[in-house]
Amino acid sequence: MGESSAYPNPITPTRTRIGWIGIGVMGGAMASRLISNGYSLTLYARNPSKLLPFQSSQGPHFATSPKHVAESCDVVFTMLGHPPDVRSVVLEQVVSGLSPDCVTVDMTSSHPDLAKQIFTAARARGCWSVDAPVSGGDVGAKDGNLAIFAGGESAVVEWLKPLFEILGKVTYMGQAGCGQSCKIANQIAISSNLVGLSEGLVFAEQAGVDLKQFLEAIRGGAAGSNALELFGDRMIQRNWGGGFIGYMVKDLGMGLDFGDKGEDDKAVVLPGASLNKQLFSSMVAIGNGMHGPQGLITVIQRINGK
């Protein structure tokens, strides 16, 4: 690979080589922001058609495999679908291709235990890993307003800040796996927000309240939230784009699985998360699995015969 420009040398657009694996709704927008800020990216997507929007832009290179990305880059970001994808791509391919002092940053919502395994494997090769899942949806990805939850070595997370700040606001959560645990807790919280917002809208409509006035009225009170700002108008307008609800089902399932065993075998009872998982699973069952999270209102409407 030649002289390393990786950790702890400062990150700069002209020196630091960035890899990005996973060009979906979120990953594509995030990679585009890095390119727009002057970074040279090497891209890989399992579905080559996802790379088409990047072929007319200046700068990106295209890799033939995840290992090829790792071998040619100082920092490799991954934004994948599910923990098995993370295991096969990051643990089994990216880590083995990294040179010493290079860093892999997994931004997928994945399992905390897998993040710890990746960290251990990376350190065994003299490189680093950070688990850094995000919250903020497709709008946050496009606007660079994502909340980023980072786990791993604190100094490495600090070193990555020039890149994270292009994508959003990073918060260091602790050792490897803590970023993923924070994202699961985030999903537990946002799912309850979405259930409440959906039920509030359905009730308000049934009561004859103008829905736009309803949202405007509650914005400044205790019911105001980012969930309302991101998804309220979409619910009213029946704008279902911007996500794949299977990811929410996956994240809540990981939380319930973790809650069942808990730390030190102490169970964590999560009745709201259990109910919310059932409701989001119902979205998939009624054929709305390709809707964004705002599509949850369709389940509440169906329960009420609408």
Protein backbone atom coordinates (compact mmCIF):
# COMPACT_ATOMS: atom_id res chain seq x y z
CA MET A 1 0.00 0.00 0.00
CA GLY A 2 2.99 2.28 0.33
CA GLU A 3 3.49 4.86 3.06
CA SER A 4 0.50 4.82 5.35
CA SER A 5 -1.56 8.00 5.73
CA ALA A 6 -3.78 6.43 8.37
CA TYR A 7 -4.10 6.87 12.14
CA PRO A 8 -2.70 8.96 13.80
CA ASN A 9 -1.71 11.19 10.87
CA PRO A 10 -4.23 14.03 10.39
CA ILE A 11 -7.14 13.35 8.04
CA THR A 12 -7.16 15.57 4.94
CA PRO A 13 -9.03 15.37 1.60
CA THR A 14 -5.79 15.25 -0.37
CA ARG A 15 -4.07 12.60 1.71
CA THR A 16 -6.64 10.30 3.31
CA ARG A 17 -8.07 7.57 1.09
CA ILE A 18 -11.67 6.73 1.93
CA GLY A 19 -13.52 3.53 1.08
CA TRP A 20 -17.30 3.16 1.17
CA ILE A 21 -19.17 -0.14 1.01
CA GLY A 22 -22.97 -0.05 0.81
CA ILE A 23 -24.63 2.48 -1.52
CA GLY A 24 -28.28 2.30 -0.48
CA VAL A 25 -30.60 5.19 0.43
CA MET A 26 -28.48 6.12 3.45
CA GLY A 27 -25.04 5.02 2.31
CA GLY A 28 -25.33 6.68 -1.08
CA ALA A 29 -26.25 10.04 0.43
CA MET A 30 -23.48 9.84 3.02
CA ALA A 31 -20.82 8.88 0.48
CA SER A 32 -21.96 11.74 -1.75
CA ARG A 33 -21.42 14.22 1.06
CA LEU A 34 -17.82 13.08 1.51
CA ILE A 35 -17.20 13.37 -2.24
CA SER A 36 -18.73 16.86 -2.26
CA ASN A 37 -16.31 17.85 0.49
CA GLY A 38 -13.31 16.94 -1.61
CA TYR A 39 -12.51 13.40 -0.48
CA SER A 40 -11.47 10.73 -2.95
CA LEU A 41 -13.63 7.63 -2.45
CA THR A 42 -13.34 4.04 -3.54
CA LEU A 43 -16.84 2.56 -3.73
CA TYR A 44 -18.20 -0.96 -3.67
CA ALA A 45 -21.81 -2.16 -3.92
CA ARG A 46 -23.02 -5.72 -4.13
CA ASN A 47 -25.57 -4.49 -6.68
CA PRO A 48 -23.51 -2.65 -9.35
CA SER A 49 -26.57 -0.65 -10.44
CA LYS A 50 -26.30 1.31 -7.18
CA LEU A 51 -23.04 2.79 -8.49
CA LEU A 52 -24.62 4.31 -11.62
CA PRO A 53 -25.33 7.74 -10.04
CA PHE A 54 -21.63 8.06 -9.19
CA GLN A 55 -20.25 7.20 -12.62
CA SER A 56 -20.77 10.68 -14.03
CA SER A 57 -19.15 12.46 -11.06
CA GLN A 58 -15.49 13.22 -10.77
CA GLY A 59 -13.27 11.36 -8.37
CA PRO A 60 -14.83 8.07 -7.21
CA HIS A 61 -13.09 4.81 -7.99
CA PHE A 62 -14.90 1.48 -8.11
CA ALA A 63 -13.68 -1.68 -6.42
CA THR A 64 -14.32 -5.29 -7.32
CA SER A 65 -14.68 -6.59 -3.74
CA PRO A 66 -14.78 -5.39 -0.12
CA LYS A 67 -11.23 -6.67 0.37
CA HIS A 68 -10.11 -4.62 -2.64
CA VAL A 69 -11.56 -1.51 -0.94
CA ALA A 70 -9.71 -2.29 2.29
CA GLU A 71 -6.41 -2.89 0.53
CA SER A 72 -6.49 0.51 -1.16
CA CYS A 73 -7.89 2.74 1.60
CA ASP A 74 -6.97 4.25 4.96
CA VAL A 75 -10.53 4.45 6.30
CA VAL A 76 -13.29 2.06 5.17
CA PHE A 77 -16.92 2.91 5.94
CA THR A 78 -19.62 0.26 5.70
CA MET A 79 -23.38 0.87 5.58
CA LEU A 80 -25.02 -2.52 5.13
CA GLY A 81 -28.32 -4.21 5.89
CA HIS A 82 -28.13 -6.83 8.62
CA PRO A 83 -25.61 -8.34 11.07
CA PRO A 84 -24.92 -11.35 8.78
CA ASP A 85 -23.91 -8.85 6.07
CA VAL A 86 -21.59 -7.12 8.53
CA ARG A 87 -20.05 -10.44 9.51
CA SER A 88 -19.40 -11.55 5.92
CA VAL A 89 -18.24 -8.15 4.61
CA VAL A 90 -16.46 -6.49 7.54
CA LEU A 91 -15.26 -9.33 9.75
CA GLU A 92 -14.43 -11.80 6.97
CA GLN A 93 -13.21 -9.46 4.18
CA VAL A 94 -12.49 -5.85 5.17
CA VAL A 95 -10.45 -6.55 8.30
CA SER A 96 -8.24 -9.03 6.46
CA GLY A 97 -7.46 -6.42 3.81
CA LEU A 98 -6.60 -3.50 6.08
CA SER A 99 -3.01 -2.40 6.58
CA PRO A 100 -1.72 -1.53 10.07
CA ASP A 101 -3.16 1.69 11.55
CA CYS A 102 -6.00 1.77 9.03
CA VAL A 103 -9.57 1.98 10.33
CA THR A 104 -12.88 0.34 9.51
CA VAL A 105 -16.03 2.24 10.51
CA ASP A 106 -19.25 0.24 10.50
CA MET A 107 -22.28 2.52 10.35
CA THR A 108 -24.76 -0.33 9.95
CA SER A 109 -27.23 -0.90 12.79
CA SER A 110 -25.80 -4.19 13.96
CA HIS A 111 -25.28 -6.32 17.05
CA PRO A 112 -23.02 -5.08 19.89
CA ASP A 113 -21.37 -8.50 20.26
CA LEU A 114 -20.42 -8.50 16.58
CA ALA A 115 -18.91 -5.02 16.93
CA LYS A 116 -16.73 -6.35 19.75
CA GLN A 117 -15.60 -9.27 17.59
CA ILE A 118 -14.66 -6.92 14.76
CA PHE A 119 -12.70 -4.69 17.14
CA THR A 120 -10.76 -7.67 18.52
CA ALA A 121 -9.99 -8.96 15.01
CA ALA A 122 -8.87 -5.52 13.85
CA ARG A 123 -6.54 -5.01 16.80
CA ALA A 124 -5.01 -8.44 16.19
CA ARG A 125 -3.92 -7.12 12.77
CA GLY A 126 -2.68 -3.79 14.11
CA CYS A 127 -5.62 -1.83 12.74
CA TRP A 128 -8.71 -0.27 14.32
CA SER A 129 -12.48 -0.52 14.18
CA VAL A 130 -15.27 1.82 15.25
CA ASP A 131 -18.95 0.94 15.44
CA ALA A 132 -20.85 4.10 14.49
CA PRO A 133 -24.53 3.54 13.66
CA VAL A 134 -26.65 6.59 12.94
CA SER A 135 -30.10 8.09 13.46
CA GLY A 136 -31.81 10.72 11.34
CA GLY A 137 -33.14 8.86 8.32
CA ASP A 138 -32.70 9.74 4.66
CA VAL A 139 -33.24 13.45 5.29
CA GLY A 140 -30.49 13.54 7.90
CA ALA A 141 -28.16 11.63 5.58
CA LYS A 142 -28.70 14.09 2.72
CA ASP A 143 -28.41 17.19 4.92
CA GLY A 144 -25.49 16.00 7.05
CA ASN A 145 -27.56 16.12 10.24
CA LEU A 146 -27.23 12.54 11.40
CA ALA A 147 -26.76 11.62 15.04
CA ILE A 148 -23.75 9.29 15.11
CA PHE A 149 -23.17 6.93 18.06
CA ALA A 150 -19.54 5.82 18.19
CA GLY A 151 -17.99 2.92 20.07
CA GLY A 152 -14.34 1.88 20.14
CA GLU A 153 -11.08 3.61 21.04
CA SER A 154 -11.84 7.22 22.01
CA ALA A 155 -8.69 8.61 20.35
CA VAL A 156 -9.61 6.95 17.04
CA VAL A 157 -13.13 8.37 17.19
CA GLU A 158 -11.65 11.81 17.84
CA TRP A 159 -9.30 11.33 14.87
CA LEU A 160 -12.27 10.52 12.63
CA LYS A 161 -14.15 13.71 13.53
CA PRO A 162 -13.31 15.59 10.29
CA LEU A 163 -15.23 12.86 8.44
CA PHE A 164 -18.01 12.43 10.98
CA GLU A 165 -18.69 16.19 11.01
CA ILE A 166 -19.51 16.08 7.29
CA LEU A 167 -22.16 13.45 8.05
CA GLY A 168 -23.60 14.82 11.30
CA LYS A 169 -22.81 15.05 14.99
CA VAL A 170 -20.82 12.26 16.61
CA THR A 171 -21.07 11.29 20.27
CA TYR A 172 -18.50 8.93 21.77
CA MET A 173 -20.44 6.27 23.68
CA GLY A 174 -17.64 4.08 25.08
CA GLN A 175 -15.85 0.86 24.24
CA ALA A 176 -16.51 -1.32 21.20
CA GLY A 177 -20.19 -2.28 20.95
CA CYS A 178 -21.45 0.78 22.86
CA GLY A 179 -22.32 2.58 19.64
CA GLN A 180 -24.53 -0.32 18.60
CA SER A 181 -26.13 -0.55 22.04
CA CYS A 182 -26.93 3.17 21.89
CA LYS A 183 -28.55 2.75 18.46
CA ILE A 184 -30.74 -0.07 19.74
CA ALA A 185 -31.83 2.10 22.67
CA ASN A 186 -32.47 4.92 20.19
CA GLN A 187 -34.72 2.64 18.13
CA ILE A 188 -36.66 1.62 21.21
CA ALA A 189 -37.28 5.30 21.95
CA ILE A 190 -38.12 6.41 18.39
CA SER A 191 -40.45 3.47 17.80
CA SER A 192 -42.57 4.54 20.76
CA ASN A 193 -42.54 8.12 19.43
CA LEU A 194 -43.82 6.88 16.08
CA VAL A 195 -46.57 4.78 17.67
CA GLY A 196 -47.71 7.77 19.73
CA LEU A 197 -47.61 10.14 16.75
CA SER A 198 -49.54 7.69 14.57
CA GLU A 199 -52.23 7.13 17.20
CA GLY A 200 -52.46 10.87 17.89
CA LEU A 201 -53.04 11.63 14.21
CA VAL A 202 -55.61 8.86 13.79
CA PHE A 203 -57.49 10.03 16.90
CA ALA A 204 -57.34 13.69 15.86
CA GLU A 205 -58.71 12.89 12.40
CA GLN A 206 -61.55 10.80 13.83
CA ALA A 207 -62.41 13.69 16.16
CA GLY A 208 -62.61 16.11 13.24
CA VAL A 209 -59.42 18.05 14.02
CA ASP A 210 -57.45 19.50 11.10
CA LEU A 211 -54.27 17.43 11.02
CA LYS A 212 -51.92 20.22 9.92
CA GLN A 213 -53.26 22.44 12.69
CA PHE A 214 -52.86 19.54 15.12
CA LEU A 215 -49.15 19.14 14.29
CA GLU A 216 -48.58 22.90 14.49
CA ALA A 217 -50.33 23.06 17.84
CA ILE A 218 -48.34 20.31 19.53
CA ARG A 219 -44.92 21.31 18.11
CA GLY A 220 -44.17 23.70 20.93
CA GLY A 221 -45.43 21.47 23.73
CA ALA A 222 -44.24 18.33 25.44
CA ALA A 223 -45.37 16.21 22.46
CA GLY A 224 -43.04 18.05 20.10
CA SER A 225 -40.15 15.87 18.90
CA ASN A 226 -37.76 15.18 16.06
CA ALA A 227 -40.04 12.29 15.13
CA LEU A 228 -42.83 14.79 14.57
CA GLU A 229 -40.56 17.07 12.51
CA LEU A 230 -39.19 14.25 10.38
CA PHE A 231 -42.32 12.16 9.89
CA GLY A 232 -45.46 14.10 10.86
CA ASP A 233 -46.04 15.87 7.54
CA ARG A 234 -45.14 12.69 5.64
CA MET A 235 -47.84 10.80 7.52
CA ILE A 236 -50.44 13.42 6.59
CA GLN A 237 -49.32 13.57 2.96
CA ARG A 238 -49.09 9.77 2.69
CA ASN A 239 -45.49 10.12 1.58
CA TRP A 240 -44.13 6.68 2.39
CA GLY A 241 -40.66 6.87 0.84
CA GLY A 242 -37.28 6.99 2.55
CA GLY A 243 -36.63 3.63 4.11
CA PHE A 244 -37.16 -0.06 4.60
CA ILE A 245 -39.08 -0.87 7.77
CA GLY A 246 -37.48 -4.29 8.03
CA TYR A 247 -34.48 -2.52 9.56
CA MET A 248 -36.61 -1.23 12.44
CA VAL A 249 -37.96 -4.73 13.02
CA LYS A 250 -34.37 -6.01 13.02
CA ASP A 251 -33.17 -3.35 15.49
CA LEU A 252 -36.04 -3.89 17.91
CA GLY A 253 -35.47 -7.64 17.65
CA MET A 254 -31.82 -7.19 18.66
CA GLY A 255 -32.95 -5.09 21.61
CA LEU A 256 -35.40 -7.73 22.74
CA ASP A 257 -32.79 -10.46 22.29
CA PHE A 258 -30.27 -8.47 24.31
CA GLY A 259 -32.94 -7.64 26.89
CA ASP A 260 -33.75 -11.31 27.36
CA LYS A 261 -30.20 -12.11 28.40
CA GLY A 262 -29.12 -8.71 29.72
CA GLU A 263 -25.72 -7.88 31.11
CA ASP A 264 -24.50 -10.44 33.62
CA ASP A 265 -27.59 -12.52 32.78
CA LYS A 266 -29.92 -9.88 34.25
CA ALA A 267 -33.02 -9.74 32.07
CA VAL A 268 -34.29 -6.34 30.88
CA VAL A 269 -38.08 -6.20 30.47
CA LEU A 270 -39.07 -4.11 27.43
CA PRO A 271 -42.86 -4.31 27.05
CA GLY A 272 -43.10 -1.24 24.79
CA ALA A 273 -40.37 -2.49 22.45
CA SER A 274 -42.12 -5.86 22.23
CA LEU A 275 -45.43 -4.25 21.24
CA ASN A 276 -43.72 -1.88 18.82
CA LYS A 277 -41.93 -4.75 17.10
CA GLN A 278 -45.29 -6.43 16.55
CA LEU A 279 -46.75 -3.25 15.05
CA PHE A 280 -43.82 -2.69 12.70
CA SER A 281 -43.90 -6.36 11.76
CA SER A 282 -47.54 -5.82 10.85
CA MET A 283 -46.43 -3.18 8.36
CA VAL A 284 -44.46 -5.86 6.56
CA ALA A 285 -47.36 -8.33 6.81
CA ILE A 286 -49.82 -5.95 5.11
CA GLY A 287 -47.39 -5.28 2.26
CA ASN A 288 -45.95 -1.96 3.42
CA GLY A 289 -42.47 -3.22 4.26
CA MET A 290 -40.81 -0.85 1.78
CA HIS A 291 -42.33 2.21 3.46
CA GLY A 292 -40.34 4.49 5.70
CA PRO A 293 -41.06 4.56 9.47
CA GLN A 294 -43.89 7.07 8.91
CA GLY A 295 -45.82 4.21 7.30
CA LEU A 296 -46.60 2.86 10.76
CA ILE A 297 -49.72 5.00 10.69
CA THR A 298 -51.14 2.65 8.06
CA VAL A 299 -51.20 -0.14 10.66
CA ILE A 300 -53.05 2.04 13.19
CA GLN A 301 -55.48 3.13 10.49
CA ARG A 302 -56.12 -0.49 9.48
CA ILE A 303 -56.76 -1.49 13.09
CA ASN A 304 -59.39 1.27 13.11
CA GLY A 305 -61.01 0.10 9.88
CA LYS A 306 -59.56 2.87 7.68
